[in-house]
Amino acid sequence: MVKDTVLIITDSIKPNGEKNYRAGWGILIPEYAKLQYAGSMGFLSLGGGWDYGKRKQWETDLFIGFLPHYSTSKNKITFTLKQNYIPWKLDIGSKFMIEPLTTGLYLNTIWGRDFWVKELEKYPNSYYAFSSKIRINVFVGQRITYKFKEDREIFKSATFFYEVSTNDLYLLSAVNNSYLKPKDYLVLSLGLKVQLF
């Protein structure tokens, strides 16, 4: 009896008679893939995620990023959890869609012993007010989407996007140092999203 129930959940049937492989545990499979350049997430980040809501206005992303060595001897890996909100979407003909505003926030961490969440004992009390391992970021951006043929099983659309972001440390620096210009605390990132399902 239990086996039959599990089979029904994992191999449910769509109204048109096709099997729905995303039912049950399949909902954990990311619905899209993303590639992002810059954005305080690493030089290049690769990830996937899920969109949801009545108008698919929410997205949750998970990224792994690569940061080449600049001032240190080793390359680094970053991890990012990102929440996106897309208030509205505008169709341009049958093939294109624009999202004139995207916004959200994300948490980013860097892998390695050289970075810490809590200030190390070797530093004077409150010498560093921020963690060197975790950054809280906010962003705004825009997107343009090209829709593939509707009858495709996979690769439904491709979206190009850009975002302008900043993080907690940059914002504090901007407030406390009036000589800083926007280019010192704002970051531009570019990306590509491929809708898989």
C-alpha atoms as a PDB file:
ATOM      1  CA  MET A   1       0.000   0.000   0.000  1.00  0.00           C
ATOM      2  CA  VAL A   2       2.788   2.432   0.905  1.00  0.00           C
ATOM      3  CA  LYS A   3       4.775   1.548  -2.234  1.00  0.00           C
ATOM      4  CA  ASP A   4       1.758   2.312  -4.423  1.00  0.00           C
ATOM      5  CA  THR A   5       1.325   5.700  -2.743  1.00  0.00           C
ATOM      6  CA  VAL A   6       4.980   6.610  -3.302  1.00  0.00           C
ATOM      7  CA  LEU A   7       4.735   5.630  -6.963  1.00  0.00           C
ATOM      8  CA  ILE A   8       1.663   7.802  -7.410  1.00  0.00           C
ATOM      9  CA  ILE A   9       3.452  10.772  -5.867  1.00  0.00           C
ATOM     10  CA  THR A  10       6.644  10.432  -7.890  1.00  0.00           C
ATOM     11  CA  ASP A  11       5.024   9.435 -11.198  1.00  0.00           C
ATOM     12  CA  SER A  12       1.869  11.559 -11.158  1.00  0.00           C
ATOM     13  CA  ILE A  13       0.084  12.155 -14.435  1.00  0.00           C
ATOM     14  CA  LYS A  14      -0.508  15.599 -16.001  1.00  0.00           C
ATOM     15  CA  PRO A  15      -3.984  16.407 -17.409  1.00  0.00           C
ATOM     16  CA  ASN A  16      -2.706  15.702 -20.943  1.00  0.00           C
ATOM     17  CA  GLY A  17      -1.603  12.196 -19.920  1.00  0.00           C
ATOM     18  CA  GLU A  18       2.148  12.888 -19.636  1.00  0.00           C
ATOM     19  CA  LYS A  19       4.096  11.901 -16.546  1.00  0.00           C
ATOM     20  CA  ASN A  20       5.026  14.739 -14.207  1.00  0.00           C
ATOM     21  CA  TYR A  21       8.574  13.942 -13.061  1.00  0.00           C
ATOM     22  CA  ARG A  22       8.709  17.046 -10.844  1.00  0.00           C
ATOM     23  CA  ALA A  23       6.064  15.787  -8.425  1.00  0.00           C
ATOM     24  CA  GLY A  24       6.998  14.565  -4.945  1.00  0.00           C
ATOM     25  CA  TRP A  25      10.715  14.915  -4.200  1.00  0.00           C
ATOM     26  CA  GLY A  26      11.208  16.192  -7.746  1.00  0.00           C
ATOM     27  CA  ILE A  27      10.164  19.668  -6.625  1.00  0.00           C
ATOM     28  CA  LEU A  28      13.653  19.986  -5.114  1.00  0.00           C
ATOM     29  CA  ILE A  29      15.139  19.976  -8.632  1.00  0.00           C
ATOM     30  CA  PRO A  30      15.982  23.583  -9.563  1.00  0.00           C
ATOM     31  CA  GLU A  31      13.617  25.115 -12.129  1.00  0.00           C
ATOM     32  CA  TYR A  32      16.327  27.280 -13.688  1.00  0.00           C
ATOM     33  CA  ALA A  33      20.087  27.722 -13.864  1.00  0.00           C
ATOM     34  CA  LYS A  34      21.938  31.030 -13.475  1.00  0.00           C
ATOM     35  CA  LEU A  35      25.393  32.291 -14.295  1.00  0.00           C
ATOM     36  CA  GLN A  36      26.421  35.588 -12.691  1.00  0.00           C
ATOM     37  CA  TYR A  37      29.502  37.728 -13.172  1.00  0.00           C
ATOM     38  CA  ALA A  38      30.597  39.867 -10.184  1.00  0.00           C
ATOM     39  CA  GLY A  39      28.118  41.197  -7.613  1.00  0.00           C
ATOM     40  CA  SER A  40      30.301  40.558  -4.535  1.00  0.00           C
ATOM     41  CA  MET A  41      29.660  36.829  -5.020  1.00  0.00           C
ATOM     42  CA  GLY A  42      32.960  35.998  -6.669  1.00  0.00           C
ATOM     43  CA  PHE A  43      34.387  36.584 -10.119  1.00  0.00           C
ATOM     44  CA  LEU A  44      31.943  34.069 -11.587  1.00  0.00           C
ATOM     45  CA  SER A  45      29.080  32.242  -9.856  1.00  0.00           C
ATOM     46  CA  LEU A  46      26.981  29.307 -11.014  1.00  0.00           C
ATOM     47  CA  GLY A  47      23.723  28.296  -9.417  1.00  0.00           C
ATOM     48  CA  GLY A  48      20.125  27.314  -9.687  1.00  0.00           C
ATOM     49  CA  GLY A  49      16.853  28.063  -8.035  1.00  0.00           C
ATOM     50  CA  TRP A  50      13.095  28.023  -7.798  1.00  0.00           C
ATOM     51  CA  ASP A  51      10.435  30.543  -8.781  1.00  0.00           C
ATOM     52  CA  TYR A  52       7.045  30.652  -7.068  1.00  0.00           C
ATOM     53  CA  GLY A  53       4.084  32.866  -6.215  1.00  0.00           C
ATOM     54  CA  LYS A  54       0.904  33.535  -8.201  1.00  0.00           C
ATOM     55  CA  ARG A  55       2.846  35.398 -10.881  1.00  0.00           C
ATOM     56  CA  LYS A  56       6.205  33.664 -10.293  1.00  0.00           C
ATOM     57  CA  GLN A  57       7.293  36.932  -8.694  1.00  0.00           C
ATOM     58  CA  TRP A  58       9.575  35.293  -6.106  1.00  0.00           C
ATOM     59  CA  GLU A  59      12.842  33.457  -6.728  1.00  0.00           C
ATOM     60  CA  THR A  60      15.248  31.739  -4.374  1.00  0.00           C
ATOM     61  CA  ASP A  61      18.770  31.070  -5.695  1.00  0.00           C
ATOM     62  CA  LEU A  62      21.752  29.078  -4.458  1.00  0.00           C
ATOM     63  CA  PHE A  63      25.165  29.897  -5.954  1.00  0.00           C
ATOM     64  CA  ILE A  64      28.719  28.601  -5.790  1.00  0.00           C
ATOM     65  CA  GLY A  65      31.244  31.227  -6.833  1.00  0.00           C
ATOM     66  CA  PHE A  66      34.890  31.309  -7.821  1.00  0.00           C
ATOM     67  CA  LEU A  67      37.217  34.087  -6.695  1.00  0.00           C
ATOM     68  CA  PRO A  68      40.705  34.054  -8.253  1.00  0.00           C
ATOM     69  CA  HIS A  69      43.585  34.988  -5.977  1.00  0.00           C
ATOM     70  CA  TYR A  70      44.409  38.692  -6.050  1.00  0.00           C
ATOM     71  CA  SER A  71      46.131  39.699  -2.844  1.00  0.00           C
ATOM     72  CA  THR A  72      46.460  36.160  -1.468  1.00  0.00           C
ATOM     73  CA  SER A  73      48.173  33.024  -2.713  1.00  0.00           C
ATOM     74  CA  LYS A  74      45.027  30.876  -3.087  1.00  0.00           C
ATOM     75  CA  ASN A  75      41.809  30.915  -5.098  1.00  0.00           C
ATOM     76  CA  LYS A  76      38.625  31.021  -3.039  1.00  0.00           C
ATOM     77  CA  ILE A  77      35.126  29.577  -3.185  1.00  0.00           C
ATOM     78  CA  THR A  78      32.004  31.529  -2.207  1.00  0.00           C
ATOM     79  CA  PHE A  79      28.463  30.434  -1.344  1.00  0.00           C
ATOM     80  CA  THR A  80      25.415  32.656  -1.811  1.00  0.00           C
ATOM     81  CA  LEU A  81      21.751  32.402  -0.804  1.00  0.00           C
ATOM     82  CA  LYS A  82      19.741  34.956  -2.778  1.00  0.00           C
ATOM     83  CA  GLN A  83      16.095  36.063  -2.622  1.00  0.00           C
ATOM     84  CA  ASN A  84      14.666  37.934  -5.636  1.00  0.00           C
ATOM     85  CA  TYR A  85      11.400  39.837  -6.011  1.00  0.00           C
ATOM     86  CA  ILE A  86       9.986  40.778  -9.432  1.00  0.00           C
ATOM     87  CA  PRO A  87       6.905  43.029  -8.970  1.00  0.00           C
ATOM     88  CA  TRP A  88       5.734  42.978 -12.584  1.00  0.00           C
ATOM     89  CA  LYS A  89       6.500  41.637 -16.054  1.00  0.00           C
ATOM     90  CA  LEU A  90       5.703  43.160 -19.458  1.00  0.00           C
ATOM     91  CA  ASP A  91       5.329  41.100 -22.636  1.00  0.00           C
ATOM     92  CA  ILE A  92       6.802  42.542 -25.822  1.00  0.00           C
ATOM     93  CA  GLY A  93       5.201  40.552 -28.601  1.00  0.00           C
ATOM     94  CA  SER A  94       5.123  36.782 -28.296  1.00  0.00           C
ATOM     95  CA  LYS A  95       8.862  36.178 -27.913  1.00  0.00           C
ATOM     96  CA  PHE A  96      10.180  38.820 -25.494  1.00  0.00           C
ATOM     97  CA  MET A  97       9.373  39.936 -21.972  1.00  0.00           C
ATOM     98  CA  ILE A  98      10.960  42.627 -19.812  1.00  0.00           C
ATOM     99  CA  GLU A  99      11.071  42.873 -16.058  1.00  0.00           C
ATOM    100  CA  PRO A 100      11.646  46.603 -15.487  1.00  0.00           C
ATOM    101  CA  LEU A 101      12.414  46.177 -11.797  1.00  0.00           C
ATOM    102  CA  THR A 102      13.974  43.340  -9.858  1.00  0.00           C
ATOM    103  CA  THR A 103      15.101  43.700  -6.283  1.00  0.00           C
ATOM    104  CA  GLY A 104      16.127  41.563  -3.359  1.00  0.00           C
ATOM    105  CA  LEU A 105      18.833  40.640  -0.944  1.00  0.00           C
ATOM    106  CA  TYR A 106      21.410  37.923  -0.523  1.00  0.00           C
ATOM    107  CA  LEU A 107      23.811  36.479   2.008  1.00  0.00           C
ATOM    108  CA  ASN A 108      27.292  35.639   0.821  1.00  0.00           C
ATOM    109  CA  THR A 109      30.045  33.741   2.583  1.00  0.00           C
ATOM    110  CA  ILE A 110      33.578  32.872   1.599  1.00  0.00           C
ATOM    111  CA  TRP A 111      35.229  29.528   2.267  1.00  0.00           C
ATOM    112  CA  GLY A 112      38.530  29.563   4.132  1.00  0.00           C
ATOM    113  CA  ARG A 113      40.260  29.782   7.495  1.00  0.00           C
ATOM    114  CA  ASP A 114      41.361  33.365   6.919  1.00  0.00           C
ATOM    115  CA  PHE A 115      37.779  34.593   7.387  1.00  0.00           C
ATOM    116  CA  TRP A 116      35.710  34.606  10.554  1.00  0.00           C
ATOM    117  CA  VAL A 117      32.143  35.224  11.717  1.00  0.00           C
ATOM    118  CA  LYS A 118      33.035  36.333  15.242  1.00  0.00           C
ATOM    119  CA  GLU A 119      35.951  38.655  15.902  1.00  0.00           C
ATOM    120  CA  LEU A 120      39.099  36.750  16.873  1.00  0.00           C
ATOM    121  CA  GLU A 121      40.542  37.137  20.369  1.00  0.00           C
ATOM    122  CA  LYS A 122      43.849  38.493  19.045  1.00  0.00           C
ATOM    123  CA  TYR A 123      42.112  41.747  18.045  1.00  0.00           C
ATOM    124  CA  PRO A 124      41.184  44.446  20.576  1.00  0.00           C
ATOM    125  CA  ASN A 125      37.533  44.422  21.626  1.00  0.00           C
ATOM    126  CA  SER A 126      35.283  45.690  18.776  1.00  0.00           C
ATOM    127  CA  TYR A 127      38.303  46.461  16.603  1.00  0.00           C
ATOM    128  CA  TYR A 128      36.397  44.956  13.679  1.00  0.00           C
ATOM    129  CA  ALA A 129      32.676  45.687  13.861  1.00  0.00           C
ATOM    130  CA  PHE A 130      31.846  43.316  10.997  1.00  0.00           C
ATOM    131  CA  SER A 131      32.338  39.676  10.199  1.00  0.00           C
ATOM    132  CA  SER A 132      34.897  39.084   7.454  1.00  0.00           C
ATOM    133  CA  LYS A 133      33.101  35.878   6.409  1.00  0.00           C
ATOM    134  CA  ILE A 134      29.476  36.957   5.825  1.00  0.00           C
ATOM    135  CA  ARG A 135      28.158  39.891   3.787  1.00  0.00           C
ATOM    136  CA  ILE A 136      24.543  41.037   3.574  1.00  0.00           C
ATOM    137  CA  ASN A 137      23.813  42.500   0.130  1.00  0.00           C
ATOM    138  CA  VAL A 138      20.877  44.376  -1.431  1.00  0.00           C
ATOM    139  CA  PHE A 139      20.316  44.967  -5.144  1.00  0.00           C
ATOM    140  CA  VAL A 140      18.088  46.442  -7.848  1.00  0.00           C
ATOM    141  CA  GLY A 141      18.166  45.509 -11.507  1.00  0.00           C
ATOM    142  CA  GLN A 142      16.356  44.794 -14.760  1.00  0.00           C
ATOM    143  CA  ARG A 143      15.877  41.815 -17.066  1.00  0.00           C
ATOM    144  CA  ILE A 144      14.949  40.942 -20.622  1.00  0.00           C
ATOM    145  CA  THR A 145      13.728  37.441 -21.536  1.00  0.00           C
ATOM    146  CA  TYR A 146      13.583  35.565 -24.820  1.00  0.00           C
ATOM    147  CA  LYS A 147      10.927  32.833 -24.827  1.00  0.00           C
ATOM    148  CA  PHE A 148      11.546  29.615 -26.714  1.00  0.00           C
ATOM    149  CA  LYS A 149       8.738  27.608 -28.342  1.00  0.00           C
ATOM    150  CA  GLU A 150       5.974  26.799 -25.860  1.00  0.00           C
ATOM    151  CA  ASP A 151       5.940  23.068 -26.651  1.00  0.00           C
ATOM    152  CA  ARG A 152       9.525  22.544 -25.415  1.00  0.00           C
ATOM    153  CA  GLU A 153       9.904  20.152 -22.478  1.00  0.00           C
ATOM    154  CA  ILE A 154      13.066  21.850 -21.244  1.00  0.00           C
ATOM    155  CA  PHE A 155      14.825  25.182 -21.793  1.00  0.00           C
ATOM    156  CA  LYS A 156      11.707  27.354 -21.755  1.00  0.00           C
ATOM    157  CA  SER A 157      13.450  30.754 -21.911  1.00  0.00           C
ATOM    158  CA  ALA A 158      16.731  32.646 -21.573  1.00  0.00           C
ATOM    159  CA  THR A 159      16.994  35.854 -19.557  1.00  0.00           C
ATOM    160  CA  PHE A 160      19.769  38.429 -19.550  1.00  0.00           C
ATOM    161  CA  PHE A 161      19.945  40.595 -16.432  1.00  0.00           C
ATOM    162  CA  TYR A 162      22.024  43.221 -14.736  1.00  0.00           C
ATOM    163  CA  GLU A 163      22.021  44.281 -11.095  1.00  0.00           C
ATOM    164  CA  VAL A 164      23.494  47.111  -9.055  1.00  0.00           C
ATOM    165  CA  SER A 165      24.246  46.018  -5.513  1.00  0.00           C
ATOM    166  CA  THR A 166      25.937  47.031  -2.306  1.00  0.00           C
ATOM    167  CA  ASN A 167      26.539  45.376   1.044  1.00  0.00           C
ATOM    168  CA  ASP A 168      26.482  46.217   4.736  1.00  0.00           C
ATOM    169  CA  LEU A 169      30.191  47.053   4.925  1.00  0.00           C
ATOM    170  CA  TYR A 170      30.124  49.257   1.805  1.00  0.00           C
ATOM    171  CA  LEU A 171      27.057  51.148   3.057  1.00  0.00           C
ATOM    172  CA  LEU A 172      28.644  51.855   6.427  1.00  0.00           C
ATOM    173  CA  SER A 173      31.809  53.051   4.691  1.00  0.00           C
ATOM    174  CA  ALA A 174      29.760  55.363   2.444  1.00  0.00           C
ATOM    175  CA  VAL A 175      27.943  56.879   5.434  1.00  0.00           C
ATOM    176  CA  ASN A 176      31.126  57.422   7.453  1.00  0.00           C
ATOM    177  CA  ASN A 177      33.317  58.618   4.573  1.00  0.00           C
ATOM    178  CA  SER A 178      31.737  61.437   2.566  1.00  0.00           C
ATOM    179  CA  TYR A 179      34.640  61.481   0.096  1.00  0.00           C
ATOM    180  CA  LEU A 180      33.600  58.076  -1.301  1.00  0.00           C
ATOM    181  CA  LYS A 181      31.824  58.124  -4.660  1.00  0.00           C
ATOM    182  CA  PRO A 182      29.081  55.703  -5.823  1.00  0.00           C
ATOM    183  CA  LYS A 183      31.660  53.691  -7.789  1.00  0.00           C
ATOM    184  CA  ASP A 184      33.373  52.944  -4.452  1.00  0.00           C
ATOM    185  CA  TYR A 185      30.337  51.293  -2.835  1.00  0.00           C
ATOM    186  CA  LEU A 186      28.090  50.161  -5.705  1.00  0.00           C
ATOM    187  CA  VAL A 187      28.801  47.003  -7.702  1.00  0.00           C
ATOM    188  CA  LEU A 188      27.553  46.121 -11.192  1.00  0.00           C
ATOM    189  CA  SER A 189      26.896  42.476 -12.043  1.00  0.00           C
ATOM    190  CA  LEU A 190      25.729  40.763 -15.224  1.00  0.00           C
ATOM    191  CA  GLY A 191      23.987  37.439 -15.542  1.00  0.00           C
ATOM    192  CA  LEU A 192      22.149  34.854 -17.573  1.00  0.00           C
ATOM    193  CA  LYS A 193      19.184  32.783 -16.398  1.00  0.00           C
ATOM    194  CA  VAL A 194      17.982  29.720 -18.329  1.00  0.00           C
ATOM    195  CA  GLN A 195      14.500  28.507 -17.381  1.00  0.00           C
ATOM    196  CA  LEU A 196      14.655  24.727 -17.429  1.00  0.00           C
ATOM    197  CA  PHE A 197      11.054  23.800 -16.521  1.00  0.00           C
END
